Amino acid sequence: MIEREVKVTNRAGIHARPAAMIVQTASRYKSKIMLGKEHEEINAKSIMGIITLGAGYDTVLKLTVDGPDEQEAADAVAGLFDSRFQEEPA
């Protein structure tokens, strides 16, 4: 199991487009991928779950990945946060 923190650094936060990017990326992997905020944890393959998480600018989320391709999955999802969901220059 891999756990790491990811930070929402794009000004608009996680809205429909970034949520869709997370779901599309997470769905390519067999591993269970979860995003957590405070006492709430959601499946990163659920667009409704991600949107209801309400992750605005500067929010730190816990990314938990468990499964056969966990390293690749964790790197891919974390990469979306690092690239600011390709909405702003890094």
PDB file of N, CA and C in Angstrom:
ATOM      1  N   MET A   1       0.844  -1.179   0.000  1.00  0.00           N
ATOM      2  CA  MET A   1       0.000   0.000   0.000  1.00  0.00           C
ATOM      3  C   MET A   1       0.887   1.238   0.000  1.00  0.00           C
ATOM      4  N   ILE A   2       0.486   2.211  -0.796  1.00  0.00           N
ATOM      5  CA  ILE A   2       1.212   3.477  -0.896  1.00  0.00           C
ATOM      6  C   ILE A   2       0.309   4.586  -0.387  1.00  0.00           C
ATOM      7  N   GLU A   3       0.864   5.435   0.479  1.00  0.00           N
ATOM      8  CA  GLU A   3       0.141   6.617   0.946  1.00  0.00           C
ATOM      9  C   GLU A   3       1.021   7.826   0.705  1.00  0.00           C
ATOM     10  N   ARG A   4       0.430   8.868   0.171  1.00  0.00           N
ATOM     11  CA  ARG A   4       1.162  10.124  -0.003  1.00  0.00           C
ATOM     12  C   ARG A   4       0.180  11.284   0.011  1.00  0.00           C
ATOM     13  N   GLU A   5       0.710  12.447   0.265  1.00  0.00           N
ATOM     14  CA  GLU A   5      -0.126  13.645   0.251  1.00  0.00           C
ATOM     15  C   GLU A   5      -0.012  14.325  -1.106  1.00  0.00           C
ATOM     16  N   VAL A   6      -1.139  14.813  -1.583  1.00  0.00           N
ATOM     17  CA  VAL A   6      -1.174  15.606  -2.813  1.00  0.00           C
ATOM     18  C   VAL A   6      -1.878  16.915  -2.475  1.00  0.00           C
ATOM     19  N   LYS A   7      -1.435  17.978  -3.121  1.00  0.00           N
ATOM     20  CA  LYS A   7      -1.991  19.300  -2.832  1.00  0.00           C
ATOM     21  C   LYS A   7      -2.645  19.883  -4.076  1.00  0.00           C
ATOM     22  N   VAL A   8      -3.815  20.457  -3.896  1.00  0.00           N
ATOM     23  CA  VAL A   8      -4.532  21.104  -4.990  1.00  0.00           C
ATOM     24  C   VAL A   8      -3.901  22.482  -5.179  1.00  0.00           C
ATOM     25  N   THR A   9      -3.164  22.659  -6.276  1.00  0.00           N
ATOM     26  CA  THR A   9      -2.442  23.911  -6.501  1.00  0.00           C
ATOM     27  C   THR A   9      -3.014  24.741  -7.646  1.00  0.00           C
ATOM     28  N   ASN A  10      -4.044  24.215  -8.333  1.00  0.00           N
ATOM     29  CA  ASN A  10      -4.698  25.044  -9.351  1.00  0.00           C
ATOM     30  C   ASN A  10      -5.749  25.908  -8.665  1.00  0.00           C
ATOM     31  N   ARG A  11      -5.838  27.153  -9.061  1.00  0.00           N
ATOM     32  CA  ARG A  11      -6.687  28.145  -8.381  1.00  0.00           C
ATOM     33  C   ARG A  11      -8.162  27.759  -8.328  1.00  0.00           C
ATOM     34  N   ALA A  12      -8.660  27.061  -9.337  1.00  0.00           N
ATOM     35  CA  ALA A  12     -10.089  26.720  -9.381  1.00  0.00           C
ATOM     36  C   ALA A  12     -10.435  25.521  -8.501  1.00  0.00           C
ATOM     37  N   GLY A  13      -9.434  24.837  -7.988  1.00  0.00           N
ATOM     38  CA  GLY A  13      -9.705  23.653  -7.169  1.00  0.00           C
ATOM     39  C   GLY A  13     -10.158  22.485  -8.027  1.00  0.00           C
ATOM     40  N   ILE A  14     -10.721  21.476  -7.377  1.00  0.00           N
ATOM     41  CA  ILE A  14     -11.176  20.298  -8.108  1.00  0.00           C
ATOM     42  C   ILE A  14     -12.638  20.508  -8.497  1.00  0.00           C
ATOM     43  N   HIS A  15     -12.848  20.845  -9.763  1.00  0.00           N
ATOM     44  CA  HIS A  15     -14.183  20.991 -10.315  1.00  0.00           C
ATOM     45  C   HIS A  15     -14.383  19.861 -11.319  1.00  0.00           C
ATOM     46  N   ALA A  16     -15.356  19.967 -12.201  1.00  0.00           N
ATOM     47  CA  ALA A  16     -15.718  18.849 -13.082  1.00  0.00           C
ATOM     48  C   ALA A  16     -14.573  18.347 -13.956  1.00  0.00           C
ATOM     49  N   ARG A  17     -13.820  19.250 -14.575  1.00  0.00           N
ATOM     50  CA  ARG A  17     -12.749  18.813 -15.484  1.00  0.00           C
ATOM     51  C   ARG A  17     -11.636  18.070 -14.754  1.00  0.00           C
ATOM     52  N   PRO A  18     -11.063  18.625 -13.672  1.00  0.00           N
ATOM     53  CA  PRO A  18     -10.047  17.864 -12.946  1.00  0.00           C
ATOM     54  C   PRO A  18     -10.594  16.550 -12.366  1.00  0.00           C
ATOM     55  N   ALA A  19     -11.845  16.564 -11.907  1.00  0.00           N
ATOM     56  CA  ALA A  19     -12.444  15.341 -11.377  1.00  0.00           C
ATOM     57  C   ALA A  19     -12.496  14.266 -12.456  1.00  0.00           C
ATOM     58  N   ALA A  20     -12.895  14.664 -13.664  1.00  0.00           N
ATOM     59  CA  ALA A  20     -12.951  13.716 -14.784  1.00  0.00           C
ATOM     60  C   ALA A  20     -11.553  13.187 -15.119  1.00  0.00           C
ATOM     61  N   MET A  21     -10.551  14.049 -15.054  1.00  0.00           N
ATOM     62  CA  MET A  21      -9.173  13.614 -15.325  1.00  0.00           C
ATOM     63  C   MET A  21      -8.714  12.587 -14.293  1.00  0.00           C
ATOM     64  N   ILE A  22      -9.058  12.816 -13.032  1.00  0.00           N
ATOM     65  CA  ILE A  22      -8.684  11.870 -11.979  1.00  0.00           C
ATOM     66  C   ILE A  22      -9.356  10.517 -12.229  1.00  0.00           C
ATOM     67  N   VAL A  23     -10.657  10.533 -12.517  1.00  0.00           N
ATOM     68  CA  VAL A  23     -11.396   9.298 -12.753  1.00  0.00           C
ATOM     69  C   VAL A  23     -10.844   8.553 -13.964  1.00  0.00           C
ATOM     70  N   GLN A  24     -10.591   9.266 -15.061  1.00  0.00           N
ATOM     71  CA  GLN A  24     -10.054   8.615 -16.263  1.00  0.00           C
ATOM     72  C   GLN A  24      -8.703   7.980 -15.981  1.00  0.00           C
ATOM     73  N   THR A  25      -7.860   8.688 -15.241  1.00  0.00           N
ATOM     74  CA  THR A  25      -6.533   8.161 -14.925  1.00  0.00           C
ATOM     75  C   THR A  25      -6.636   6.975 -13.978  1.00  0.00           C
ATOM     76  N   ALA A  26      -7.389   7.120 -12.897  1.00  0.00           N
ATOM     77  CA  ALA A  26      -7.514   6.057 -11.901  1.00  0.00           C
ATOM     78  C   ALA A  26      -8.132   4.795 -12.496  1.00  0.00           C
ATOM     79  N   SER A  27      -9.054   4.964 -13.423  1.00  0.00           N
ATOM     80  CA  SER A  27      -9.757   3.820 -14.009  1.00  0.00           C
ATOM     81  C   SER A  27      -8.867   2.951 -14.884  1.00  0.00           C
ATOM     82  N   ARG A  28      -7.709   3.441 -15.239  1.00  0.00           N
ATOM     83  CA  ARG A  28      -6.773   2.643 -16.051  1.00  0.00           C
ATOM     84  C   ARG A  28      -6.036   1.593 -15.221  1.00  0.00           C
ATOM     85  N   TYR A  29      -6.173   1.656 -13.910  1.00  0.00           N
ATOM     86  CA  TYR A  29      -5.416   0.771 -13.025  1.00  0.00           C
ATOM     87  C   TYR A  29      -6.326  -0.169 -12.257  1.00  0.00           C
ATOM     88  N   LYS A  30      -5.783  -1.328 -11.915  1.00  0.00           N
ATOM     89  CA  LYS A  30      -6.535  -2.324 -11.155  1.00  0.00           C
ATOM     90  C   LYS A  30      -6.564  -2.001  -9.667  1.00  0.00           C
ATOM     91  N   SER A  31      -5.605  -1.263  -9.197  1.00  0.00           N
ATOM     92  CA  SER A  31      -5.486  -0.952  -7.775  1.00  0.00           C
ATOM     93  C   SER A  31      -6.677  -0.155  -7.263  1.00  0.00           C
ATOM     94  N   LYS A  32      -6.932  -0.298  -5.963  1.00  0.00           N
ATOM     95  CA  LYS A  32      -7.930   0.527  -5.278  1.00  0.00           C
ATOM     96  C   LYS A  32      -7.274   1.872  -4.997  1.00  0.00           C
ATOM     97  N   ILE A  33      -7.898   2.958  -5.458  1.00  0.00           N
ATOM     98  CA  ILE A  33      -7.325   4.293  -5.327  1.00  0.00           C
ATOM     99  C   ILE A  33      -8.319   5.160  -4.560  1.00  0.00           C
ATOM    100  N   MET A  34      -7.871   5.684  -3.432  1.00  0.00           N
ATOM    101  CA  MET A  34      -8.739   6.483  -2.571  1.00  0.00           C
ATOM    102  C   MET A  34      -8.126   7.863  -2.357  1.00  0.00           C
ATOM    103  N   LEU A  35      -8.988   8.864  -2.235  1.00  0.00           N
ATOM    104  CA  LEU A  35      -8.573  10.216  -1.872  1.00  0.00           C
ATOM    105  C   LEU A  35      -9.280  10.577  -0.572  1.00  0.00           C
ATOM    106  N   GLY A  36      -8.525  11.129   0.364  1.00  0.00           N
ATOM    107  CA  GLY A  36      -9.102  11.461   1.653  1.00  0.00           C
ATOM    108  C   GLY A  36      -8.878  12.912   2.034  1.00  0.00           C
ATOM    109  N   LYS A  37      -9.864  13.464   2.737  1.00  0.00           N
ATOM    110  CA  LYS A  37      -9.798  14.830   3.244  1.00  0.00           C
ATOM    111  C   LYS A  37     -10.428  14.808   4.634  1.00  0.00           C
ATOM    112  N   GLU A  38      -9.650  15.189   5.628  1.00  0.00           N
ATOM    113  CA  GLU A  38     -10.103  15.162   7.015  1.00  0.00           C
ATOM    114  C   GLU A  38     -10.614  13.764   7.349  1.00  0.00           C
ATOM    115  N   HIS A  39     -11.909  13.605   7.643  1.00  0.00           N
ATOM    116  CA  HIS A  39     -12.433  12.287   8.034  1.00  0.00           C
ATOM    117  C   HIS A  39     -13.221  11.615   6.926  1.00  0.00           C
ATOM    118  N   GLU A  40     -13.055  12.107   5.703  1.00  0.00           N
ATOM    119  CA  GLU A  40     -13.805  11.588   4.565  1.00  0.00           C
ATOM    120  C   GLU A  40     -12.842  10.939   3.575  1.00  0.00           C
ATOM    121  N   GLU A  41     -13.221   9.772   3.066  1.00  0.00           N
ATOM    122  CA  GLU A  41     -12.396   9.094   2.072  1.00  0.00           C
ATOM    123  C   GLU A  41     -13.311   8.631   0.946  1.00  0.00           C
ATOM    124  N   ILE A  42     -12.894   8.899  -0.291  1.00  0.00           N
ATOM    125  CA  ILE A  42     -13.729   8.546  -1.439  1.00  0.00           C
ATOM    126  C   ILE A  42     -12.913   7.738  -2.456  1.00  0.00           C
ATOM    127  N   ASN A  43     -13.623   7.008  -3.284  1.00  0.00           N
ATOM    128  CA  ASN A  43     -13.025   6.228  -4.351  1.00  0.00           C
ATOM    129  C   ASN A  43     -12.652   7.186  -5.487  1.00  0.00           C
ATOM    130  N   ALA A  44     -11.393   7.178  -5.891  1.00  0.00           N
ATOM    131  CA  ALA A  44     -10.926   8.083  -6.942  1.00  0.00           C
ATOM    132  C   ALA A  44     -11.457   7.700  -8.325  1.00  0.00           C
ATOM    133  N   LYS A  45     -12.179   6.597  -8.408  1.00  0.00           N
ATOM    134  CA  LYS A  45     -12.778   6.197  -9.678  1.00  0.00           C
ATOM    135  C   LYS A  45     -14.237   6.651  -9.769  1.00  0.00           C
ATOM    136  N   SER A  46     -14.680   7.443  -8.784  1.00  0.00           N
ATOM    137  CA  SER A  46     -16.058   7.944  -8.734  1.00  0.00           C
ATOM    138  C   SER A  46     -16.066   9.459  -8.912  1.00  0.00           C
ATOM    139  N   ILE A  47     -16.590   9.928 -10.036  1.00  0.00           N
ATOM    140  CA  ILE A  47     -16.595  11.365 -10.290  1.00  0.00           C
ATOM    141  C   ILE A  47     -17.458  12.114  -9.274  1.00  0.00           C
ATOM    142  N   MET A  48     -18.588  11.548  -8.893  1.00  0.00           N
ATOM    143  CA  MET A  48     -19.444  12.202  -7.901  1.00  0.00           C
ATOM    144  C   MET A  48     -18.744  12.280  -6.544  1.00  0.00           C
ATOM    145  N   GLY A  49     -18.035  11.228  -6.186  1.00  0.00           N
ATOM    146  CA  GLY A  49     -17.306  11.234  -4.925  1.00  0.00           C
ATOM    147  C   GLY A  49     -16.251  12.329  -4.896  1.00  0.00           C
ATOM    148  N   ILE A  50     -15.527  12.470  -5.983  1.00  0.00           N
ATOM    149  CA  ILE A  50     -14.465  13.476  -6.052  1.00  0.00           C
ATOM    150  C   ILE A  50     -15.058  14.883  -5.966  1.00  0.00           C
ATOM    151  N   ILE A  51     -16.114  15.139  -6.693  1.00  0.00           N
ATOM    152  CA  ILE A  51     -16.723  16.468  -6.677  1.00  0.00           C
ATOM    153  C   ILE A  51     -17.275  16.795  -5.290  1.00  0.00           C
ATOM    154  N   THR A  52     -17.915  15.824  -4.645  1.00  0.00           N
ATOM    155  CA  THR A  52     -18.484  16.090  -3.322  1.00  0.00           C
ATOM    156  C   THR A  52     -17.416  16.235  -2.237  1.00  0.00           C
ATOM    157  N   LEU A  53     -16.192  15.853  -2.549  1.00  0.00           N
ATOM    158  CA  LEU A  53     -15.097  16.033  -1.593  1.00  0.00           C
ATOM    159  C   LEU A  53     -14.843  17.521  -1.332  1.00  0.00           C
ATOM    160  N   GLY A  54     -15.160  18.353  -2.302  1.00  0.00           N
ATOM    161  CA  GLY A  54     -15.036  19.797  -2.120  1.00  0.00           C
ATOM    162  C   GLY A  54     -13.610  20.254  -1.880  1.00  0.00           C
ATOM    163  N   ALA A  55     -12.699  19.810  -2.715  1.00  0.00           N
ATOM    164  CA  ALA A  55     -11.284  20.149  -2.553  1.00  0.00           C
ATOM    165  C   ALA A  55     -10.964  21.432  -3.313  1.00  0.00           C
ATOM    166  N   GLY A  56     -10.857  22.531  -2.589  1.00  0.00           N
ATOM    167  CA  GLY A  56     -10.530  23.814  -3.180  1.00  0.00           C
ATOM    168  C   GLY A  56      -9.030  24.040  -3.243  1.00  0.00           C
ATOM    169  N   TYR A  57      -8.666  25.219  -3.702  1.00  0.00           N
ATOM    170  CA  TYR A  57      -7.255  25.608  -3.806  1.00  0.00           C
ATOM    171  C   TYR A  57      -6.551  25.439  -2.460  1.00  0.00           C
ATOM    172  N   ASP A  58      -5.360  24.894  -2.499  1.00  0.00           N
ATOM    173  CA  ASP A  58      -4.484  24.696  -1.332  1.00  0.00           C
ATOM    174  C   ASP A  58      -4.925  23.567  -0.407  1.00  0.00           C
ATOM    175  N   THR A  59      -5.911  22.787  -0.795  1.00  0.00           N
ATOM    176  CA  THR A  59      -6.341  21.650   0.011  1.00  0.00           C
ATOM    177  C   THR A  59      -5.323  20.519  -0.117  1.00  0.00           C
ATOM    178  N   VAL A  60      -4.967  19.917   0.998  1.00  0.00           N
ATOM    179  CA  VAL A  60      -4.083  18.758   0.995  1.00  0.00           C
ATOM    180  C   VAL A  60      -4.951  17.514   1.153  1.00  0.00           C
ATOM    181  N   LEU A  61      -4.775  16.572   0.235  1.00  0.00           N
ATOM    182  CA  LEU A  61      -5.522  15.320   0.259  1.00  0.00           C
ATOM    183  C   LEU A  61      -4.576  14.161   0.498  1.00  0.00           C
ATOM    184  N   LYS A  62      -5.097  13.098   1.088  1.00  0.00           N
ATOM    185  CA  LYS A  62      -4.303  11.885   1.254  1.00  0.00           C
ATOM    186  C   LYS A  62      -4.665  10.922   0.132  1.00  0.00           C
ATOM    187  N   LEU A  63      -3.675  10.533  -0.634  1.00  0.00           N
ATOM    188  CA  LEU A  63      -3.833   9.570  -1.718  1.00  0.00           C
ATOM    189  C   LEU A  63      -3.386   8.209  -1.197  1.00  0.00           C
ATOM    190  N   THR A  64      -4.282   7.233  -1.257  1.00  0.00           N
ATOM    191  CA  THR A  64      -3.966   5.873  -0.811  1.00  0.00           C
ATOM    192  C   THR A  64      -4.217   4.936  -1.975  1.00  0.00           C
ATOM    193  N   VAL A  65      -3.200   4.147  -2.323  1.00  0.00           N
ATOM    194  CA  VAL A  65      -3.315   3.225  -3.453  1.00  0.00           C
ATOM    195  C   VAL A  65      -2.871   1.847  -2.996  1.00  0.00           C
ATOM    196  N   ASP A  66      -3.701   0.835  -3.281  1.00  0.00           N
ATOM    197  CA  ASP A  66      -3.398  -0.531  -2.866  1.00  0.00           C
ATOM    198  C   ASP A  66      -3.776  -1.490  -3.989  1.00  0.00           C
ATOM    199  N   GLY A  67      -2.793  -2.238  -4.459  1.00  0.00           N
ATOM    200  CA  GLY A  67      -3.078  -3.211  -5.505  1.00  0.00           C
ATOM    201  C   GLY A  67      -1.852  -3.575  -6.316  1.00  0.00           C
ATOM    202  N   PRO A  68      -2.058  -4.349  -7.368  1.00  0.00           N
ATOM    203  CA  PRO A  68      -0.935  -4.886  -8.134  1.00  0.00           C
ATOM    204  C   PRO A  68      -0.132  -3.846  -8.909  1.00  0.00           C
ATOM    205  N   ASP A  69      -0.754  -2.725  -9.261  1.00  0.00           N
ATOM    206  CA  ASP A  69      -0.058  -1.683 -10.030  1.00  0.00           C
ATOM    207  C   ASP A  69      -0.036  -0.366  -9.247  1.00  0.00           C
ATOM    208  N   GLU A  70       0.087  -0.489  -7.924  1.00  0.00           N
ATOM    209  CA  GLU A  70      -0.058   0.674  -7.055  1.00  0.00           C
ATOM    210  C   GLU A  70       0.962   1.782  -7.306  1.00  0.00           C
ATOM    211  N   GLN A  71       2.212   1.431  -7.588  1.00  0.00           N
ATOM    212  CA  GLN A  71       3.227   2.461  -7.797  1.00  0.00           C
ATOM    213  C   GLN A  71       2.921   3.300  -9.031  1.00  0.00           C
ATOM    214  N   GLU A  72       2.592   2.632 -10.128  1.00  0.00           N
ATOM    215  CA  GLU A  72       2.268   3.352 -11.359  1.00  0.00           C
ATOM    216  C   GLU A  72       1.008   4.197 -11.175  1.00  0.00           C
ATOM    217  N   ALA A  73       0.008   3.640 -10.500  1.00  0.00           N
ATOM    218  CA  ALA A  73      -1.245   4.363 -10.271  1.00  0.00           C
ATOM    219  C   ALA A  73      -1.015   5.588  -9.395  1.00  0.00           C
ATOM    220  N   ALA A  74      -0.262   5.430  -8.324  1.00  0.00           N
ATOM    221  CA  ALA A  74       0.015   6.558  -7.421  1.00  0.00           C
ATOM    222  C   ALA A  74       0.771   7.657  -8.153  1.00  0.00           C
ATOM    223  N   ASP A  75       1.754   7.277  -8.947  1.00  0.00           N
ATOM    224  CA  ASP A  75       2.532   8.265  -9.696  1.00  0.00           C
ATOM    225  C   ASP A  75       1.656   9.002 -10.715  1.00  0.00           C
ATOM    226  N   ALA A  76       0.763   8.278 -11.380  1.00  0.00           N
ATOM    227  CA  ALA A  76      -0.092   8.889 -12.402  1.00  0.00           C
ATOM    228  C   ALA A  76      -1.081   9.876 -11.788  1.00  0.00           C
ATOM    229  N   VAL A  77      -1.727   9.488 -10.700  1.00  0.00           N
ATOM    230  CA  VAL A  77      -2.701  10.383 -10.061  1.00  0.00           C
ATOM    231  C   VAL A  77      -1.984  11.581  -9.437  1.00  0.00           C
ATOM    232  N   ALA A  78      -0.875  11.342  -8.754  1.00  0.00           N
ATOM    233  CA  ALA A  78      -0.123  12.449  -8.155  1.00  0.00           C
ATOM    234  C   ALA A  78       0.388  13.395  -9.239  1.00  0.00           C
ATOM    235  N   GLY A  79       0.726  12.859 -10.395  1.00  0.00           N
ATOM    236  CA  GLY A  79       1.195  13.683 -11.510  1.00  0.00           C
ATOM    237  C   GLY A  79       0.149  14.684 -11.983  1.00  0.00           C
ATOM    238  N   LEU A  80      -1.119  14.312 -11.898  1.00  0.00           N
ATOM    239  CA  LEU A  80      -2.193  15.250 -12.267  1.00  0.00           C
ATOM    240  C   LEU A  80      -2.186  16.464 -11.337  1.00  0.00           C
ATOM    241  N   PHE A  81      -2.007  16.211 -10.040  1.00  0.00           N
ATOM    242  CA  PHE A  81      -1.958  17.309  -9.070  1.00  0.00           C
ATOM    243  C   PHE A  81      -0.708  18.160  -9.305  1.00  0.00           C
ATOM    244  N   ASP A  82       0.421  17.505  -9.571  1.00  0.00           N
ATOM    245  CA  ASP A  82       1.673  18.235  -9.806  1.00  0.00           C
ATOM    246  C   ASP A  82       1.587  19.117 -11.040  1.00  0.00           C
ATOM    247  N   SER A  83       0.819  18.690 -12.045  1.00  0.00           N
ATOM    248  CA  SER A  83       0.703  19.472 -13.291  1.00  0.00           C
ATOM    249  C   SER A  83      -0.429  20.488 -13.217  1.00  0.00           C
ATOM    250  N   ARG A  84      -1.048  20.620 -12.048  1.00  0.00           N
ATOM    251  CA  ARG A  84      -2.190  21.531 -11.858  1.00  0.00           C
ATOM    252  C   ARG A  84      -3.311  21.230 -12.842  1.00  0.00           C
ATOM    253  N   PHE A  85      -3.450  19.950 -13.149  1.00  0.00           N
ATOM    254  CA  PHE A  85      -4.492  19.473 -14.070  1.00  0.00           C
ATOM    255  C   PHE A  85      -4.409  20.175 -15.415  1.00  0.00           C
ATOM    256  N   GLN A  86      -3.197  20.594 -15.782  1.00  0.00           N
ATOM    257  CA  GLN A  86      -2.901  21.240 -17.062  1.00  0.00           C
ATOM    258  C   GLN A  86      -3.755  22.491 -17.278  1.00  0.00           C
ATOM    259  N   GLU A  87      -4.170  23.131 -16.183  1.00  0.00           N
ATOM    260  CA  GLU A  87      -4.971  24.354 -16.295  1.00  0.00           C
ATOM    261  C   GLU A  87      -4.143  25.619 -16.190  1.00  0.00           C
ATOM    262  N   GLU A  88      -2.986  25.519 -15.554  1.00  0.00           N
ATOM    263  CA  GLU A  88      -2.146  26.688 -15.336  1.00  0.00           C
ATOM    264  C   GLU A  88      -0.694  26.283 -15.553  1.00  0.00           C
ATOM    265  N   PRO A  89       0.161  27.237 -15.858  1.00  0.00           N
ATOM    266  CA  PRO A  89       1.588  26.913 -15.957  1.00  0.00           C
ATOM    267  C   PRO A  89       2.124  26.459 -14.605  1.00  0.00           C
ATOM    268  N   ALA A  90       2.998  25.486 -14.623  1.00  0.00           N
ATOM    269  CA  ALA A  90       3.565  24.951 -13.365  1.00  0.00           C
ATOM    270  C   ALA A  90       4.490  25.936 -12.711  1.00  0.00           C
TER     271      ALA A  90
END
